[in-house]
């Protein structure tokens, strides 16, 4: 019975550590997907990228966008804005994928903790 209890505690510890690692990674990526310009802060998302691309396709070179705080921010040079948010989006999602893959492969608590130590 002690063996089963030990295994159950190890598994619970593993799941808790895994959850903590996933949440920390999500927070890190959310921070990376935040972009500030012209006094406004924007959350980079697929929806924002598509909207900016649509504006550019329709011939707009500037636009007033609502930032995360619903403040109207004028963006002049939508092409440059799109290039910057696309670059940041791909950097953040590629890093997220790489780190997430490492976490998924870790099947022991000490390996999860080691992953956290490597990132420091």
Protein backbone atom coordinates (compact mmCIF):
# COMPACT_ATOMS: atom_id res chain seq x y z
CA UNK A 1 0.00 0.00 0.00
CA UNK A 2 2.88 2.38 0.72
CA UNK A 3 4.17 1.89 -2.82
CA UNK A 4 0.80 2.89 -4.30
CA UNK A 5 0.60 5.91 -2.03
CA UNK A 6 4.11 6.98 -2.96
CA UNK A 7 3.33 6.65 -6.67
CA UNK A 8 0.10 8.62 -6.23
CA UNK A 9 1.94 11.40 -4.41
CA UNK A 10 4.67 11.46 -7.05
CA UNK A 11 2.05 11.72 -9.79
CA UNK A 12 0.18 14.50 -7.96
CA UNK A 13 3.46 16.38 -7.50
CA UNK A 14 4.25 15.88 -11.19
CA UNK A 15 0.82 17.22 -12.27
CA UNK A 16 1.14 20.23 -9.98
CA UNK A 17 4.63 21.03 -11.24
CA UNK A 18 3.47 20.53 -14.84
CA UNK A 19 0.60 22.96 -14.28
CA UNK A 20 2.91 25.54 -12.76
CA UNK A 21 5.30 25.21 -15.72
CA UNK A 22 2.46 25.57 -18.26
CA UNK A 23 1.07 28.65 -16.50
CA UNK A 24 4.50 30.28 -16.28
CA UNK A 25 5.07 29.63 -19.98
CA UNK A 26 1.65 31.05 -20.92
CA UNK A 27 2.38 34.20 -18.89
CA UNK A 28 5.75 34.61 -20.57
CA UNK A 29 4.22 34.27 -24.05
CA UNK A 30 1.40 36.66 -23.18
CA UNK A 31 4.04 39.23 -22.20
CA UNK A 32 5.92 38.64 -25.44
CA UNK A 33 2.69 39.18 -27.38
CA UNK A 34 2.25 42.66 -25.94
CA UNK A 35 3.41 45.53 -28.14
CA UNK A 36 3.53 49.18 -27.12
CA UNK A 37 3.73 52.03 -29.59
CA UNK A 38 2.55 55.65 -29.80
CA UNK A 39 1.45 55.57 -26.17
CA UNK A 40 -0.76 52.52 -26.62
CA UNK A 41 -0.39 48.84 -25.81
CA UNK A 42 -1.68 46.19 -28.17
CA UNK A 43 -2.17 42.49 -27.66
CA UNK A 44 -0.75 40.80 -30.74
CA UNK A 45 -3.23 38.24 -31.97
CA UNK A 46 -4.23 36.61 -35.21
CA UNK A 47 -7.28 38.85 -35.23
CA UNK A 48 -5.18 42.04 -34.97
CA UNK A 49 -2.84 40.81 -37.71
CA UNK A 50 -5.79 40.03 -40.00
CA UNK A 51 -7.44 43.37 -39.30
CA UNK A 52 -4.27 45.32 -40.09
CA UNK A 53 -3.76 43.25 -43.26
CA UNK A 54 -7.33 44.04 -44.31
CA UNK A 55 -6.77 47.77 -43.78
CA UNK A 56 -3.58 47.62 -45.85
CA UNK A 57 -5.33 45.65 -48.59
CA UNK A 58 -7.99 48.35 -48.75
CA UNK A 59 -5.29 50.99 -49.27
CA UNK A 60 -5.08 52.50 -45.80
CA UNK A 61 -1.68 53.69 -44.61
CA UNK A 62 -2.83 54.92 -41.21
CA UNK A 63 -5.65 54.12 -38.82
CA UNK A 64 -6.90 54.77 -35.32
CA UNK A 65 -6.94 51.54 -33.33
CA UNK A 66 -8.22 50.81 -29.84
CA UNK A 67 -5.50 49.47 -27.58
CA UNK A 68 -5.97 46.99 -24.72
CA UNK A 69 -7.28 49.80 -22.51
CA UNK A 70 -9.72 50.98 -25.23
CA UNK A 71 -7.69 54.13 -25.83
CA UNK A 72 -7.74 55.42 -29.42
CA UNK A 73 -4.21 55.26 -30.79
CA UNK A 74 -3.29 56.58 -34.22
CA UNK A 75 -1.00 54.26 -36.11
CA UNK A 76 0.80 55.89 -39.01
CA UNK A 77 2.57 53.43 -41.27
CA UNK A 78 0.39 50.34 -41.09
CA UNK A 79 2.93 48.39 -43.18
CA UNK A 80 5.63 48.89 -40.54
CA UNK A 81 3.16 48.14 -37.75
CA UNK A 82 2.14 44.88 -39.45
CA UNK A 83 5.75 43.87 -40.04
CA UNK A 84 6.58 44.45 -36.36
CA UNK A 85 3.61 42.57 -34.94
CA UNK A 86 4.09 39.68 -37.36
CA UNK A 87 7.73 39.40 -36.38
CA UNK A 88 6.91 39.47 -32.66
CA UNK A 89 4.05 36.99 -33.13
CA UNK A 90 6.27 34.43 -34.86
CA UNK A 91 9.12 34.89 -32.38
CA UNK A 92 6.77 34.39 -29.43
CA UNK A 93 4.87 31.42 -30.88
CA UNK A 94 8.06 29.68 -32.00
CA UNK A 95 9.55 30.10 -28.53
CA UNK A 96 6.27 28.90 -27.00
CA UNK A 97 6.32 25.80 -29.20
CA UNK A 98 9.94 24.99 -28.34
CA UNK A 99 9.41 25.40 -24.58
CA UNK A 100 6.07 23.57 -24.64
CA UNK A 101 7.68 20.64 -26.47
CA UNK A 102 10.35 20.41 -23.75
CA UNK A 103 7.69 20.38 -21.05
CA UNK A 104 5.66 17.71 -22.84
CA UNK A 105 8.71 15.42 -23.06
CA UNK A 106 9.50 15.74 -19.35
CA UNK A 107 7.89 12.86 -17.50
CA UNK A 108 9.53 13.36 -14.10
CA UNK A 109 9.29 16.27 -11.68
CA UNK A 110 13.06 16.76 -11.55
CA UNK A 111 13.17 17.09 -15.34
CA UNK A 112 10.47 19.78 -15.22
CA UNK A 113 12.37 21.64 -12.54
CA UNK A 114 15.61 21.30 -14.53
CA UNK A 115 13.86 22.91 -17.52
CA UNK A 116 12.95 25.83 -15.33
CA UNK A 117 16.54 26.20 -14.12
CA UNK A 118 17.91 26.16 -17.71
CA UNK A 119 15.75 29.16 -18.65
CA UNK A 120 17.28 31.37 -15.94
